[in-house]
Protein backbone atom coordinates (compact mmCIF):
# COMPACT_ATOMS: atom_id res chain seq x y z
CA MET A 1 -31.70 62.27 -153.79
CA ALA A 2 -32.88 59.42 -151.65
CA VAL A 3 -31.11 56.29 -151.02
CA ARG A 4 -33.75 54.18 -153.06
CA GLU A 5 -33.85 56.62 -155.55
CA LEU A 6 -29.95 56.07 -155.86
CA MET A 7 -30.68 52.44 -155.73
CA GLN A 8 -33.40 52.66 -158.73
CA LYS A 9 -30.93 54.52 -160.99
CA ARG A 10 -28.00 51.98 -160.53
CA ALA A 11 -30.35 49.14 -161.26
CA GLU A 12 -31.48 50.79 -164.44
CA LEU A 13 -27.65 51.29 -165.45
CA LEU A 14 -26.73 48.32 -164.67
CA GLU A 15 -29.39 46.54 -166.56
CA GLU A 16 -28.68 48.61 -169.65
CA ALA A 17 -25.26 47.38 -169.88
CA ARG A 18 -26.19 43.94 -169.32
CA GLY A 19 -28.35 44.71 -172.15
CA LEU A 20 -25.64 46.03 -174.44
CA TYR A 21 -23.57 42.75 -173.28
CA ASP A 22 -25.91 40.13 -173.99
CA ALA A 23 -27.13 41.63 -177.61
CA ALA A 24 -23.47 41.21 -178.75
CA GLU A 25 -23.07 37.82 -177.05
CA ALA A 26 -26.57 36.90 -178.97
CA GLU A 27 -25.12 37.96 -182.16
CA ASP A 28 -21.83 36.18 -181.20
CA ARG A 29 -19.44 39.08 -181.88
CA ALA A 30 -17.67 41.94 -180.05
CA MET A 31 -19.32 44.95 -179.17
CA SER A 32 -18.84 47.90 -181.06
CA GLY A 33 -17.13 50.91 -180.63
CA GLU A 34 -19.93 52.90 -179.45
CA GLU A 35 -21.69 49.93 -177.42
CA GLU A 36 -18.19 49.74 -175.65
CA GLU A 37 -18.09 53.46 -174.83
CA ARG A 38 -21.69 53.23 -173.25
CA PHE A 39 -21.05 50.26 -171.33
CA ALA A 40 -18.09 51.80 -169.64
CA GLU A 41 -20.02 55.08 -169.12
CA CYS A 42 -22.86 52.84 -167.44
CA MET A 43 -20.30 50.92 -165.13
CA ALA A 44 -18.65 53.75 -163.98
CA GLU A 45 -21.92 55.72 -163.32
CA ALA A 46 -23.14 52.46 -161.53
CA ASP A 47 -19.63 52.62 -159.39
CA GLY A 48 -19.91 56.20 -158.25
CA LEU A 49 -24.13 55.63 -157.27
CA GLN A 50 -22.82 52.40 -155.28
CA ALA A 51 -20.57 54.56 -153.20
CA ARG A 52 -23.20 57.08 -152.48
CA ILE A 53 -25.99 54.30 -151.66
CA GLU A 54 -23.16 52.85 -149.07
CA ARG A 55 -22.64 56.72 -147.42
CA GLY A 56 -26.56 57.27 -147.31
CA GLN A 57 -27.18 54.15 -145.75
CA ALA A 58 -24.49 54.72 -142.71
CA LEU A 59 -26.30 57.69 -142.62
CA GLU A 60 -29.69 56.45 -142.28
CA GLN A 61 -28.45 53.62 -139.83
CA GLN A 62 -26.63 56.13 -137.26
CA ALA A 63 -30.17 58.26 -137.39
CA GLN A 64 -31.89 55.10 -136.28
CA VAL A 65 -29.76 54.31 -133.48
CA GLN A 66 -29.97 57.95 -132.21
CA VAL A 67 -33.89 57.68 -132.25
CA ALA A 68 -33.58 54.49 -130.27
CA ARG A 69 -32.21 56.24 -127.36
CA ALA A 70 -33.50 58.33 -125.04
CA PRO A 71 -33.34 62.12 -125.09
CA GLU A 72 -29.77 63.14 -123.60
CA VAL A 73 -31.68 64.89 -120.73
CA LEU A 74 -33.35 62.02 -120.02
CA ARG A 75 -30.17 59.47 -119.69
CA ILE A 76 -28.02 58.80 -116.72
CA GLY A 77 -24.57 59.71 -117.11
CA LEU A 78 -22.15 56.29 -117.21
CA GLY A 79 -20.05 57.75 -114.44
CA ASP A 80 -16.25 57.31 -113.98
CA SER A 81 -15.73 53.83 -112.15
CA GLU A 82 -16.69 50.21 -113.05
CA GLU A 83 -19.03 50.09 -110.21
CA ARG A 84 -20.99 53.05 -111.09
CA ALA A 85 -21.03 51.75 -115.26
CA PHE A 86 -22.54 48.43 -113.72
CA ALA A 87 -25.31 50.03 -111.81
CA HIS A 88 -25.92 52.05 -114.62
CA TRP A 89 -26.55 49.07 -117.07
CA ILE A 90 -28.94 47.31 -114.07
CA LYS A 91 -30.86 50.69 -114.05
CA THR A 92 -31.26 51.71 -117.66
CA GLY A 93 -30.12 48.70 -119.74
CA ASP A 94 -27.70 50.77 -121.62
CA ASP A 95 -24.48 48.44 -121.70
CA GLY A 96 -22.05 50.63 -123.26
CA GLY A 97 -20.00 51.28 -120.02
CA ILE A 98 -19.42 47.47 -119.28
CA ARG A 99 -18.64 45.77 -122.55
CA GLU A 100 -15.18 45.74 -122.01
CA LEU A 101 -15.26 45.45 -118.30
CA ARG A 102 -16.49 42.00 -117.93
CA ALA A 103 -14.22 39.71 -115.45
CA SER A 104 -11.77 37.71 -118.17
CA ASN A 105 -12.07 34.67 -115.93
CA ASP A 106 -16.06 34.67 -115.65
CA THR A 107 -18.81 32.60 -117.72
CA THR A 108 -22.38 31.97 -118.54
CA LEU A 109 -23.64 28.71 -116.39
CA ASN A 110 -25.23 27.62 -119.74
CA ILE A 111 -23.05 25.15 -121.10
CA THR A 112 -24.28 25.07 -124.35
CA THR A 113 -24.99 29.00 -125.42
CA ASP A 114 -24.52 32.53 -123.87
CA ALA A 115 -27.73 33.41 -122.03
CA ASP A 116 -29.39 36.39 -124.43
CA GLY A 117 -29.09 39.25 -122.87
CA GLY A 118 -26.46 37.49 -120.01
CA TYR A 119 -23.29 39.45 -118.93
CA ALA A 120 -20.55 37.86 -116.74
CA VAL A 121 -20.51 40.14 -113.86
CA PRO A 122 -17.80 42.76 -114.25
CA THR A 123 -14.43 42.78 -112.30
CA GLY A 124 -15.42 44.97 -109.53
CA HIS A 125 -18.45 43.45 -108.63
CA TYR A 126 -17.48 39.84 -109.07
CA ASN A 127 -14.79 40.75 -106.66
CA GLY A 128 -17.18 42.25 -104.18
CA ILE A 129 -19.36 38.93 -104.32
CA VAL A 130 -16.15 37.00 -103.58
CA ALA A 131 -15.16 39.16 -101.03
CA ARG A 132 -18.51 39.16 -98.95
CA ARG A 133 -18.68 35.11 -99.91
CA ASP A 134 -15.19 34.52 -98.60
CA GLU A 135 -16.09 35.83 -95.35
CA SER A 136 -18.42 33.54 -93.84
CA MET A 137 -17.48 30.36 -96.53
CA LEU A 138 -16.45 27.50 -94.61
CA SER A 139 -14.59 25.67 -97.10
CA ARG A 140 -11.82 28.67 -97.37
CA VAL A 141 -10.87 28.46 -93.61
CA LEU A 142 -11.20 24.50 -93.48
CA GLY A 143 -8.82 24.15 -96.29
CA VAL A 144 -11.34 21.86 -97.90
CA ARG A 145 -9.46 20.80 -101.18
CA PRO A 146 -10.30 22.52 -104.70
CA ILE A 147 -10.65 20.33 -107.50
CA PRO A 148 -9.57 21.46 -111.01
CA GLY A 149 -11.04 20.15 -114.50
CA LYS A 150 -13.25 21.17 -116.97
CA GLY A 151 -16.65 20.29 -117.92
CA THR A 152 -19.87 19.29 -116.10
CA THR A 153 -18.54 16.00 -114.90
CA VAL A 154 -14.96 15.23 -113.83
CA ASN A 155 -13.76 11.56 -112.10
CA ILE A 156 -11.37 12.60 -109.07
CA PRO A 157 -9.13 9.53 -108.71
CA VAL A 158 -8.85 8.63 -104.74
CA ASP A 159 -6.48 6.40 -102.74
CA ALA A 160 -8.18 3.32 -102.20
CA GLU A 161 -5.59 1.01 -100.61
CA ASP A 162 -6.23 0.01 -97.10
CA ASP A 163 -2.56 -0.78 -95.66
CA GLY A 164 0.47 0.12 -97.53
CA GLU A 165 2.91 -0.98 -95.16
CA PHE A 166 6.38 -2.64 -96.16
CA VAL A 167 7.24 -6.12 -95.44
CA THR A 168 10.14 -7.69 -94.27
CA THR A 169 12.65 -9.06 -96.84
CA GLY A 170 15.58 -11.35 -96.25
CA GLU A 171 18.70 -11.20 -97.67
CA SER A 172 18.78 -11.70 -101.73
CA SER A 173 14.93 -12.26 -101.22
CA ALA A 174 12.80 -10.98 -103.81
CA TYR A 175 10.84 -7.42 -103.09
CA ASP A 176 7.63 -7.22 -101.93
CA ARG A 177 5.40 -6.22 -104.92
CA ASP A 178 2.37 -4.08 -104.23
CA ALA A 179 0.60 -1.19 -106.01
CA PRO A 180 -1.89 1.60 -104.52
CA ALA A 181 -5.47 0.91 -105.47
CA ILE A 182 -7.38 3.78 -107.02
CA GLY A 183 -10.90 4.34 -106.72
CA GLN A 184 -12.84 7.30 -108.55
CA VAL A 185 -15.28 9.86 -106.85
CA GLN A 186 -17.67 11.40 -109.62
CA SER A 187 -18.15 15.38 -108.97
CA THR A 188 -21.03 17.26 -111.36
CA LEU A 189 -21.39 20.60 -111.19
CA VAL A 190 -24.82 21.89 -110.07
CA LYS A 191 -26.62 25.32 -111.13
CA TYR A 192 -27.50 27.33 -108.36
CA THR A 193 -29.97 30.49 -108.81
CA LYS A 194 -31.14 33.55 -107.13
CA LYS A 195 -33.40 36.27 -108.67
CA VAL A 196 -33.39 39.57 -107.03
CA ASP A 197 -36.40 42.07 -108.09
CA LEU A 198 -35.05 45.77 -107.83
CA THR A 199 -37.99 48.82 -107.79
CA VAL A 200 -37.58 51.78 -108.98
CA GLU A 201 -37.02 53.42 -105.75
CA LEU A 202 -33.96 51.52 -105.04
CA LEU A 203 -32.65 51.95 -108.43
CA GLU A 204 -32.73 55.73 -108.06
CA ASP A 205 -30.78 55.08 -104.96
CA GLU A 206 -26.94 56.28 -105.24
CA ASP A 207 -24.64 53.92 -107.12
CA SER A 208 -22.34 52.80 -104.36
CA ARG A 209 -25.26 51.81 -102.03
CA LEU A 210 -27.03 49.48 -104.41
CA MET A 211 -23.47 47.91 -105.35
CA GLU A 212 -23.18 47.30 -101.56
CA PHE A 213 -26.49 45.63 -101.36
CA LEU A 214 -25.92 43.36 -104.13
CA ASN A 215 -22.63 42.41 -103.18
CA ASP A 216 -23.53 41.71 -99.81
CA PHE A 217 -27.02 40.24 -100.67
CA ILE A 218 -25.55 37.80 -103.22
CA GLY A 219 -22.19 37.36 -101.67
CA ARG A 220 -23.53 35.74 -98.08
CA GLY A 221 -26.46 33.74 -100.09
CA MET A 222 -23.56 32.27 -101.82
CA ALA A 223 -21.63 31.62 -98.57
CA LYS A 224 -24.71 29.95 -97.39
CA THR A 225 -25.14 27.82 -100.13
CA HIS A 226 -21.70 26.45 -100.15
CA ASN A 227 -21.73 25.85 -96.32
CA SER A 228 -24.96 23.94 -96.60
CA LEU A 229 -23.74 21.79 -99.47
CA LEU A 230 -20.39 21.17 -97.47
CA LEU A 231 -22.17 19.86 -94.65
CA THR A 232 -24.84 17.81 -96.32
CA GLU A 233 -22.06 16.07 -98.53
CA VAL A 234 -20.23 14.87 -95.49
CA GLY A 235 -23.62 14.07 -93.45
CA THR A 236 -24.16 12.19 -96.38
CA ASN A 237 -20.74 10.22 -97.48
CA GLY A 238 -18.88 10.72 -94.16
CA THR A 239 -18.51 8.27 -91.40
CA SER A 240 -21.02 8.34 -88.32
CA LEU A 241 -18.32 8.82 -85.87
CA LYS A 242 -20.69 9.00 -82.85
CA THR A 243 -24.41 8.21 -81.99
CA PHE A 244 -25.12 10.18 -78.66
CA ALA A 245 -27.41 8.50 -76.03
CA SER A 246 -29.70 11.29 -76.18
CA GLY A 247 -32.11 12.64 -79.09
CA THR A 248 -31.67 16.46 -77.82
CA GLU A 249 -28.44 16.93 -75.77
CA ILE A 250 -24.92 15.89 -76.27
CA ALA A 251 -23.40 14.37 -72.34
CA VAL A 252 -20.02 14.37 -70.86
CA ASP A 253 -17.49 11.93 -72.17
CA GLU A 254 -19.41 11.99 -75.78
CA LEU A 255 -17.31 13.98 -77.62
CA GLU A 256 -13.82 12.44 -76.95
CA PRO A 257 -14.83 9.15 -78.79
CA ILE A 258 -15.26 11.44 -82.12
CA VAL A 259 -11.86 12.93 -81.73
CA TYR A 260 -10.23 9.09 -81.10
CA ALA A 261 -12.36 7.36 -83.39
CA GLU A 262 -10.73 4.03 -84.99
CA GLY A 263 -9.27 4.95 -88.53
CA LEU A 264 -9.48 9.03 -88.11
CA GLU A 265 -5.91 8.95 -86.26
CA ASN A 266 -4.15 8.61 -90.26
CA TYR A 267 -5.87 12.11 -91.08
CA LEU A 268 -5.28 14.37 -88.06
CA ASP A 269 -1.48 15.49 -88.46
CA ASP A 270 -2.55 18.35 -91.11
CA GLY A 271 -3.31 20.80 -88.58
CA GLY A 272 -4.37 23.44 -90.93
CA SER A 273 -7.83 21.70 -92.13
CA VAL A 274 -8.73 19.32 -89.10
CA GLY A 275 -11.43 21.05 -87.04
CA TRP A 276 -14.64 21.04 -85.82
CA VAL A 277 -17.93 22.48 -87.15
CA MET A 278 -21.06 23.30 -85.29
CA ARG A 279 -23.89 25.72 -84.29
CA ARG A 280 -22.49 28.43 -81.99
CA SER A 281 -25.49 27.28 -79.79
CA VAL A 282 -24.34 24.04 -79.75
CA HIS A 283 -20.51 24.70 -78.95
CA GLY A 284 -22.40 27.12 -75.93
CA GLU A 285 -24.17 23.92 -74.64
CA ILE A 286 -21.05 21.93 -74.44
CA ILE A 287 -18.97 24.34 -72.70
CA LEU A 288 -21.64 24.29 -69.99
CA LEU A 289 -21.54 20.36 -69.36
CA ASP A 290 -20.59 20.00 -66.07
CA ASP A 291 -18.18 16.93 -65.29
CA ALA A 292 -18.05 16.84 -61.46
CA SER A 293 -18.72 20.08 -60.75
CA THR A 294 -16.08 20.84 -63.62
CA ARG A 295 -16.70 22.24 -67.07
CA ARG A 296 -14.29 19.96 -68.68
CA TYR A 297 -14.98 21.90 -72.30
CA ALA A 298 -14.72 25.13 -71.13
CA ASN A 299 -10.74 25.33 -71.01
CA ASN A 300 -8.58 26.92 -73.81
CA GLN A 301 -11.49 28.90 -75.19
CA MET A 302 -9.27 31.18 -77.23
CA GLY A 303 -6.28 30.05 -79.35
CA ASP A 304 -3.29 31.79 -80.80
CA GLU A 305 -5.55 33.15 -83.57
CA ARG A 306 -8.69 33.77 -81.25
CA ARG A 307 -10.40 30.71 -82.38
CA PRO A 308 -12.49 28.74 -80.30
CA ASP A 309 -10.86 25.28 -79.17
CA LEU A 310 -12.40 21.97 -78.25
CA LEU A 311 -10.33 19.20 -77.10
CA GLY A 312 -7.30 20.26 -78.86
CA PHE A 313 -8.76 21.36 -82.28
CA PRO A 314 -10.54 24.67 -83.70
CA VAL A 315 -14.18 25.23 -83.81
CA TYR A 316 -15.75 26.68 -86.51
CA TYR A 317 -19.26 28.27 -86.65
CA SER A 318 -22.23 27.51 -89.13
CA ALA A 319 -26.09 27.76 -88.76
CA LYS A 320 -26.27 25.02 -91.37
CA SER A 321 -24.90 22.69 -88.93
CA GLY A 322 -28.11 20.61 -86.86
CA ALA A 323 -29.11 21.49 -83.46
CA THR A 324 -29.27 19.04 -80.50
CA ALA A 325 -32.29 17.49 -81.70
CA LEU A 326 -33.68 14.17 -82.72
CA SER A 327 -32.12 12.69 -85.63
CA ALA A 328 -29.68 15.31 -86.11
CA LYS A 329 -26.04 15.88 -86.92
CA SER A 330 -24.96 18.54 -84.39
CA VAL A 331 -21.05 18.39 -84.72
CA TYR A 332 -18.97 17.34 -87.51
CA PHE A 333 -15.27 16.62 -87.21
CA GLY A 334 -12.05 15.36 -89.37
CA ASN A 335 -9.64 16.42 -91.79
CA TRP A 336 -11.74 18.72 -94.16
CA ASN A 337 -8.67 18.41 -96.81
CA TYR A 338 -10.29 15.06 -97.34
CA VAL A 339 -13.75 16.77 -99.00
CA GLY A 340 -12.89 18.14 -102.43
CA TYR A 341 -15.14 21.17 -104.50
CA ARG A 342 -15.70 22.15 -107.70
CA GLU A 343 -16.89 25.85 -108.62
CA ALA A 344 -17.43 26.97 -112.18
CA PRO A 345 -15.33 30.05 -112.75
CA GLY A 346 -17.45 32.64 -112.30
CA VAL A 347 -20.78 34.34 -111.82
CA THR A 348 -23.52 35.23 -114.58
CA VAL A 349 -25.98 37.81 -114.07
CA ILE A 350 -29.14 38.54 -116.30
CA ARG A 351 -31.09 41.91 -116.53
CA ASP A 352 -34.77 41.60 -117.22
CA PRO A 353 -36.71 44.78 -117.32
CA TYR A 354 -39.81 43.33 -119.11
CA THR A 355 -41.39 40.67 -117.01
CA ARG A 356 -42.21 43.27 -114.11
CA GLY A 357 -42.01 46.21 -115.98
CA GLY A 358 -45.65 47.24 -115.45
CA TYR A 359 -44.75 47.49 -111.75
CA GLY A 360 -41.60 49.34 -112.03
CA GLU A 361 -39.09 46.77 -111.51
CA VAL A 362 -35.99 45.17 -112.84
CA LEU A 363 -35.30 41.89 -112.12
CA LEU A 364 -31.63 40.42 -111.89
CA TYR A 365 -30.94 36.87 -112.33
CA TYR A 366 -27.84 35.43 -110.72
CA MET A 367 -26.24 31.81 -111.34
CA PHE A 368 -23.34 29.79 -110.15
CA ARG A 369 -22.18 25.85 -110.55
CA CYS A 370 -20.69 24.04 -107.86
CA ASP A 371 -20.17 20.66 -106.15
CA TYR A 372 -18.78 18.55 -103.28
CA SER A 373 -17.45 15.30 -102.89
CA VAL A 374 -16.05 13.42 -99.89
CA LEU A 375 -12.62 11.79 -101.01
CA GLN A 376 -12.20 9.78 -98.27
CA ALA A 377 -15.13 9.07 -95.99
CA GLU A 378 -13.03 7.89 -93.00
CA ALA A 379 -11.51 10.89 -92.92
CA ILE A 380 -14.19 13.14 -91.89
CA GLY A 381 -17.48 12.25 -90.08
CA TYR A 382 -20.03 13.53 -87.70
CA GLY A 383 -21.88 13.06 -84.34
CA GLU A 384 -25.44 12.16 -84.50
CA HIS A 385 -28.96 12.41 -82.10
CA PRO A 386 -31.05 9.26 -82.06
CA ALA A 387 -34.44 9.53 -83.74
CA ALA A 388 -36.22 8.72 -80.40
């Protein structure tokens, strides 16, 4: 008997039982023995039908799931690794293999509700992206200070005291009273996104090459974004340590005033976080500068860690730094530990097979949030060229 027929029969039995009960209540009497016996029979039979209905509904629901799936011969195996399972989800939309593989510290960048269809990147893919990012991310090697805190915006306390020295105090005299001045720097996470368009041809490539492509493309894109944000923040809220005489070049004797800038001396004792950032081509121009037929800045080009050295401090390269051009900031210098950065705990990816489905493409949307803030302006700065 079909589930619908069982439900109809059960409803009739319950209606009959209700009629027996209501009739007795209307006459303000107890049900007769015959009525009691029939009432019990209706309820028992209705309970039996309910169990049959539930089993039938479960079977119908399972049958609907099976129909919704493609035939087994058309489905790609989930594979035996996390990366293959994630690649399988990208290709087919079947999330069975990654439901339990999401990185535990990842979260969507939507701060209200989870994005429909969004998945925090599984651990393997997440780690692959981070590895590619860290290879060329300046904040990791420069010692930029990570800032903890929950929420979109946090207020970072900073030291706003100018001096803080002790004072001479005579015997039996009152101690000098002093207290640190505390300021605040506000850091607000900003969302950054990237859309990746994958063609059917690429999706049909083998899994490991697909994941290698995504890890590299997304990770290096994140690193470039971080580097741009870092240098933009220092260029905006750091200190102008030197304005070069020329709009298109750096001259001999113009780098020393940056290293020996007034106020910077208090921040150069942290060797792990002090250094230069510039383009490789700008460093090349500096090395070639002649001073009385002597290339002053060509000495000590490789330190113990094979890091280029300039005036006793390491040089780090970034294409996000300016060239030797009008109004450009071509060199950055200082203690990078006095720049803070915040980062949301993960990356989110959303798979969209519909928007470009008619073109044989699947769209992947990647999102992350971060922010950079100069914590002490006098600790970090730049050399810039005039506008004319």
